[in-house]
């Protein structure tokens, strides 16, 4: 199973792909898509969409995992992130790739075991679980990998409950 995590943002969209086989998670690729604040919103969104589509077409993940957004203060920021999230969903839909969504709380619980864990704790677990020397940078890419790992754990549990095994 190949899982692609996406941490949507208008300035930076992080992505990360992990492979799960026989219960072992391995890093495939990670990176980020940066857009210039000098460009119009629609140009920035097109860049996010185009680059995500390129990665998806190249790797053809089994599914994508996108963070559910929760903002309680900055409405303008929430709107821009929501639009980047929308083009991420669209890129998946165009390739018929199933989408799964998790809240930051669910990701923290899946990786650290504590829903109020700090970003540094989550990043360290990403490093450990993927057996990496360093924490993936930038933070957006690490967050995307955390989403993919969260889904791997969730899928494993679901498969065990249904008696299907893990990562086949």
C-alpha atoms as a PDB file:
ATOM      1  CA  UNK A   1       0.000   0.000   0.000  1.00  0.00           C
ATOM      2  CA  UNK A   2       1.310   3.443  -0.958  1.00  0.00           C
ATOM      3  CA  UNK A   3      -0.090   6.312   1.125  1.00  0.00           C
ATOM      4  CA  UNK A   4       0.287  10.002   0.274  1.00  0.00           C
ATOM      5  CA  UNK A   5      -0.174  12.540   3.047  1.00  0.00           C
ATOM      6  CA  UNK A   6      -0.918  16.165   2.177  1.00  0.00           C
ATOM      7  CA  UNK A   7      -0.621  19.147   4.513  1.00  0.00           C
ATOM      8  CA  UNK A   8      -2.397  21.853   2.491  1.00  0.00           C
ATOM      9  CA  UNK A   9      -1.405  25.486   2.577  1.00  0.00           C
ATOM     10  CA  UNK A  10      -1.389  28.423   0.205  1.00  0.00           C
ATOM     11  CA  UNK A  11       2.239  29.436   0.887  1.00  0.00           C
ATOM     12  CA  UNK A  12       3.548  25.891   1.444  1.00  0.00           C
ATOM     13  CA  UNK A  13       1.824  22.581   0.795  1.00  0.00           C
ATOM     14  CA  UNK A  14       3.686  19.623   2.242  1.00  0.00           C
ATOM     15  CA  UNK A  15       3.429  16.114   0.848  1.00  0.00           C
ATOM     16  CA  UNK A  16       4.876  12.771   1.805  1.00  0.00           C
ATOM     17  CA  UNK A  17       4.562   9.216   0.565  1.00  0.00           C
ATOM     18  CA  UNK A  18       5.113   6.073   2.583  1.00  0.00           C
ATOM     19  CA  UNK A  19       4.938   2.445   1.578  1.00  0.00           C
ATOM     20  CA  UNK A  20       3.450  -0.121   3.925  1.00  0.00           C
ATOM     21  CA  UNK A  21       4.313  -3.747   3.253  1.00  0.00           C
ATOM     22  CA  UNK A  22       3.995  -6.616   5.715  1.00  0.00           C
ATOM     23  CA  UNK A  23       3.578  -4.168   8.572  1.00  0.00           C
ATOM     24  CA  UNK A  24       6.710  -2.174   7.769  1.00  0.00           C
ATOM     25  CA  UNK A  25       6.509   1.520   6.849  1.00  0.00           C
ATOM     26  CA  UNK A  26       9.182   2.997   4.603  1.00  0.00           C
ATOM     27  CA  UNK A  27       9.682   6.477   3.231  1.00  0.00           C
ATOM     28  CA  UNK A  28       9.192   6.848  -0.513  1.00  0.00           C
ATOM     29  CA  UNK A  29       9.335  10.604  -1.049  1.00  0.00           C
ATOM     30  CA  UNK A  30       8.540  13.899   0.615  1.00  0.00           C
ATOM     31  CA  UNK A  31       8.681  17.545  -0.287  1.00  0.00           C
ATOM     32  CA  UNK A  32       6.816  20.803  -0.436  1.00  0.00           C
ATOM     33  CA  UNK A  33       5.223  23.073  -2.962  1.00  0.00           C
ATOM     34  CA  UNK A  34       5.975  26.735  -2.359  1.00  0.00           C
ATOM     35  CA  UNK A  35       4.016  29.558  -3.915  1.00  0.00           C
ATOM     36  CA  UNK A  36       4.957  33.214  -4.141  1.00  0.00           C
ATOM     37  CA  UNK A  37       2.882  35.803  -2.309  1.00  0.00           C
ATOM     38  CA  UNK A  38       3.523  38.044  -5.337  1.00  0.00           C
ATOM     39  CA  UNK A  39       1.261  35.825  -7.464  1.00  0.00           C
ATOM     40  CA  UNK A  40      -2.521  35.920  -7.568  1.00  0.00           C
ATOM     41  CA  UNK A  41      -4.471  33.393  -5.544  1.00  0.00           C
ATOM     42  CA  UNK A  42      -5.624  31.481  -8.615  1.00  0.00           C
ATOM     43  CA  UNK A  43      -2.046  31.169  -9.922  1.00  0.00           C
ATOM     44  CA  UNK A  44      -0.877  29.920  -6.534  1.00  0.00           C
ATOM     45  CA  UNK A  45      -3.708  27.366  -6.364  1.00  0.00           C
ATOM     46  CA  UNK A  46      -2.936  26.188  -9.907  1.00  0.00           C
ATOM     47  CA  UNK A  47       0.678  25.564  -8.912  1.00  0.00           C
ATOM     48  CA  UNK A  48      -0.391  23.497  -5.892  1.00  0.00           C
ATOM     49  CA  UNK A  49      -2.840  21.516  -8.023  1.00  0.00           C
ATOM     50  CA  UNK A  50      -0.385  20.950 -10.885  1.00  0.00           C
ATOM     51  CA  UNK A  51       2.494  19.808  -8.688  1.00  0.00           C
ATOM     52  CA  UNK A  52       0.330  17.516  -6.549  1.00  0.00           C
ATOM     53  CA  UNK A  53      -1.139  16.027  -9.727  1.00  0.00           C
ATOM     54  CA  UNK A  54       2.375  15.386 -11.092  1.00  0.00           C
ATOM     55  CA  UNK A  55       3.436  13.562  -7.934  1.00  0.00           C
ATOM     56  CA  UNK A  56       0.191  11.542  -7.850  1.00  0.00           C
ATOM     57  CA  UNK A  57       0.470  10.571 -11.522  1.00  0.00           C
ATOM     58  CA  UNK A  58       4.096   9.504 -11.041  1.00  0.00           C
ATOM     59  CA  UNK A  59       3.581   7.488  -7.840  1.00  0.00           C
ATOM     60  CA  UNK A  60      -0.124   6.499  -8.120  1.00  0.00           C
ATOM     61  CA  UNK A  61      -0.758   6.198  -4.376  1.00  0.00           C
ATOM     62  CA  UNK A  62      -3.412   3.799  -3.064  1.00  0.00           C
ATOM     63  CA  UNK A  63      -4.961   6.753  -1.227  1.00  0.00           C
ATOM     64  CA  UNK A  64      -4.331  10.299  -0.144  1.00  0.00           C
ATOM     65  CA  UNK A  65      -4.695  11.607   3.383  1.00  0.00           C
ATOM     66  CA  UNK A  66      -5.532  15.262   3.926  1.00  0.00           C
ATOM     67  CA  UNK A  67      -5.707  17.119   7.195  1.00  0.00           C
ATOM     68  CA  UNK A  68      -9.095  18.350   8.303  1.00  0.00           C
ATOM     69  CA  UNK A  69      -8.857  22.050   9.023  1.00  0.00           C
ATOM     70  CA  UNK A  70      -9.803  23.729  12.253  1.00  0.00           C
ATOM     71  CA  UNK A  71      -9.264  27.445  12.727  1.00  0.00           C
ATOM     72  CA  UNK A  72     -10.948  29.480  15.385  1.00  0.00           C
ATOM     73  CA  UNK A  73      -9.224  32.847  14.987  1.00  0.00           C
ATOM     74  CA  UNK A  74      -7.904  33.846  11.578  1.00  0.00           C
ATOM     75  CA  UNK A  75     -10.721  33.538   9.036  1.00  0.00           C
ATOM     76  CA  UNK A  76      -8.612  34.829   6.136  1.00  0.00           C
ATOM     77  CA  UNK A  77      -5.946  32.193   6.772  1.00  0.00           C
ATOM     78  CA  UNK A  78      -8.606  29.493   7.101  1.00  0.00           C
ATOM     79  CA  UNK A  79     -10.086  30.441   3.725  1.00  0.00           C
ATOM     80  CA  UNK A  80      -6.724  30.275   1.926  1.00  0.00           C
ATOM     81  CA  UNK A  81      -5.862  26.924   3.505  1.00  0.00           C
ATOM     82  CA  UNK A  82      -9.352  25.673   2.681  1.00  0.00           C
ATOM     83  CA  UNK A  83      -8.831  26.576  -0.962  1.00  0.00           C
ATOM     84  CA  UNK A  84      -5.483  24.746  -1.042  1.00  0.00           C
ATOM     85  CA  UNK A  85      -7.241  21.807   0.597  1.00  0.00           C
ATOM     86  CA  UNK A  86      -9.879  21.947  -2.133  1.00  0.00           C
ATOM     87  CA  UNK A  87      -7.356  21.690  -4.961  1.00  0.00           C
ATOM     88  CA  UNK A  88      -5.700  18.798  -3.089  1.00  0.00           C
ATOM     89  CA  UNK A  89      -9.047  16.998  -3.008  1.00  0.00           C
ATOM     90  CA  UNK A  90      -9.583  17.807  -6.688  1.00  0.00           C
ATOM     91  CA  UNK A  91      -6.195  16.393  -7.698  1.00  0.00           C
ATOM     92  CA  UNK A  92      -7.067  13.127  -5.925  1.00  0.00           C
ATOM     93  CA  UNK A  93     -10.550  13.016  -7.456  1.00  0.00           C
ATOM     94  CA  UNK A  94      -9.239  13.511 -10.997  1.00  0.00           C
ATOM     95  CA  UNK A  95      -7.126  10.381 -10.615  1.00  0.00           C
ATOM     96  CA  UNK A  96      -9.809   8.415  -8.740  1.00  0.00           C
ATOM     97  CA  UNK A  97      -7.595   8.166  -5.673  1.00  0.00           C
ATOM     98  CA  UNK A  98      -9.578   7.612  -2.459  1.00  0.00           C
ATOM     99  CA  UNK A  99      -9.210  10.361   0.148  1.00  0.00           C
ATOM    100  CA  UNK A 100      -9.114   9.978   3.919  1.00  0.00           C
ATOM    101  CA  UNK A 101      -9.203  12.826   6.411  1.00  0.00           C
ATOM    102  CA  UNK A 102      -7.915  13.164   9.969  1.00  0.00           C
ATOM    103  CA  UNK A 103      -7.900  15.980  12.468  1.00  0.00           C
ATOM    104  CA  UNK A 104      -4.637  17.167  14.041  1.00  0.00           C
ATOM    105  CA  UNK A 105      -5.854  15.594  17.304  1.00  0.00           C
ATOM    106  CA  UNK A 106      -6.259  12.189  15.623  1.00  0.00           C
ATOM    107  CA  UNK A 107      -2.787  12.430  14.070  1.00  0.00           C
ATOM    108  CA  UNK A 108      -1.175  13.276  17.406  1.00  0.00           C
ATOM    109  CA  UNK A 109      -2.991  10.421  19.132  1.00  0.00           C
ATOM    110  CA  UNK A 110      -1.970   7.953  16.412  1.00  0.00           C
ATOM    111  CA  UNK A 111       1.705   8.908  16.460  1.00  0.00           C
ATOM    112  CA  UNK A 112       2.396   9.988  20.028  1.00  0.00           C
ATOM    113  CA  UNK A 113      -0.536   8.544  21.968  1.00  0.00           C
ATOM    114  CA  UNK A 114      -1.501  11.968  23.274  1.00  0.00           C
ATOM    115  CA  UNK A 115      -3.804  14.385  21.443  1.00  0.00           C
ATOM    116  CA  UNK A 116      -2.155  17.484  22.885  1.00  0.00           C
ATOM    117  CA  UNK A 117       1.379  16.452  21.931  1.00  0.00           C
ATOM    118  CA  UNK A 118       3.704  19.161  20.673  1.00  0.00           C
ATOM    119  CA  UNK A 119       4.860  19.498  17.080  1.00  0.00           C
ATOM    120  CA  UNK A 120       8.377  18.440  18.090  1.00  0.00           C
ATOM    121  CA  UNK A 121       7.062  15.191  19.591  1.00  0.00           C
ATOM    122  CA  UNK A 122       5.117  14.367  16.419  1.00  0.00           C
ATOM    123  CA  UNK A 123       8.133  15.139  14.228  1.00  0.00           C
ATOM    124  CA  UNK A 124      10.374  12.922  16.336  1.00  0.00           C
ATOM    125  CA  UNK A 125       7.877  10.054  16.018  1.00  0.00           C
ATOM    126  CA  UNK A 126       7.827  10.529  12.229  1.00  0.00           C
ATOM    127  CA  UNK A 127      11.619  10.226  12.269  1.00  0.00           C
ATOM    128  CA  UNK A 128      11.564   7.138  14.477  1.00  0.00           C
ATOM    129  CA  UNK A 129       8.693   5.331  12.763  1.00  0.00           C
ATOM    130  CA  UNK A 130      10.243   5.792   9.321  1.00  0.00           C
ATOM    131  CA  UNK A 131      13.738   5.010  10.611  1.00  0.00           C
ATOM    132  CA  UNK A 132      15.207   8.302   9.377  1.00  0.00           C
ATOM    133  CA  UNK A 133      18.406   9.994  10.494  1.00  0.00           C
ATOM    134  CA  UNK A 134      16.832  13.441  10.594  1.00  0.00           C
ATOM    135  CA  UNK A 135      13.379  14.959  10.950  1.00  0.00           C
ATOM    136  CA  UNK A 136      12.014  15.696   7.470  1.00  0.00           C
ATOM    137  CA  UNK A 137      12.036  19.411   6.646  1.00  0.00           C
ATOM    138  CA  UNK A 138      10.225  21.665   6.216  1.00  0.00           C
ATOM    139  CA  UNK A 139       7.597  21.125   8.933  1.00  0.00           C
ATOM    140  CA  UNK A 140       4.872  20.894   6.291  1.00  0.00           C
ATOM    141  CA  UNK A 141       6.493  17.798   4.761  1.00  0.00           C
ATOM    142  CA  UNK A 142       6.885  16.221   8.202  1.00  0.00           C
ATOM    143  CA  UNK A 143       3.212  16.960   8.927  1.00  0.00           C
ATOM    144  CA  UNK A 144       2.223  15.317   5.634  1.00  0.00           C
ATOM    145  CA  UNK A 145       4.206  12.191   6.542  1.00  0.00           C
ATOM    146  CA  UNK A 146       2.527  12.193   9.968  1.00  0.00           C
ATOM    147  CA  UNK A 147      -0.854  12.124   8.205  1.00  0.00           C
ATOM    148  CA  UNK A 148       0.242   9.168   6.075  1.00  0.00           C
ATOM    149  CA  UNK A 149       1.494   7.299   9.159  1.00  0.00           C
ATOM    150  CA  UNK A 150      -1.761   8.051  10.987  1.00  0.00           C
ATOM    151  CA  UNK A 151      -3.691   6.462   8.138  1.00  0.00           C
ATOM    152  CA  UNK A 152      -1.356   3.465   8.061  1.00  0.00           C
ATOM    153  CA  UNK A 153      -2.124   2.862  11.740  1.00  0.00           C
ATOM    154  CA  UNK A 154      -5.851   3.390  11.195  1.00  0.00           C
ATOM    155  CA  UNK A 155      -5.869   1.100   8.158  1.00  0.00           C
ATOM    156  CA  UNK A 156      -3.966  -1.541  10.106  1.00  0.00           C
ATOM    157  CA  UNK A 157      -6.508  -1.481  12.908  1.00  0.00           C
ATOM    158  CA  UNK A 158      -9.405  -1.603  10.451  1.00  0.00           C
ATOM    159  CA  UNK A 159      -7.791  -4.514   8.582  1.00  0.00           C
ATOM    160  CA  UNK A 160      -7.132  -6.437  11.788  1.00  0.00           C
ATOM    161  CA  UNK A 161     -10.733  -5.967  12.852  1.00  0.00           C
ATOM    162  CA  UNK A 162     -11.912  -7.226   9.457  1.00  0.00           C
ATOM    163  CA  UNK A 163      -9.339 -10.073   9.508  1.00  0.00           C
ATOM    164  CA  UNK A 164      -7.469  -8.954   6.381  1.00  0.00           C
ATOM    165  CA  UNK A 165      -3.951  -8.490   7.740  1.00  0.00           C
ATOM    166  CA  UNK A 166      -1.891  -5.328   7.289  1.00  0.00           C
ATOM    167  CA  UNK A 167      -0.377  -3.601   4.272  1.00  0.00           C
ATOM    168  CA  UNK A 168      -1.238  -6.154   1.650  1.00  0.00           C
END
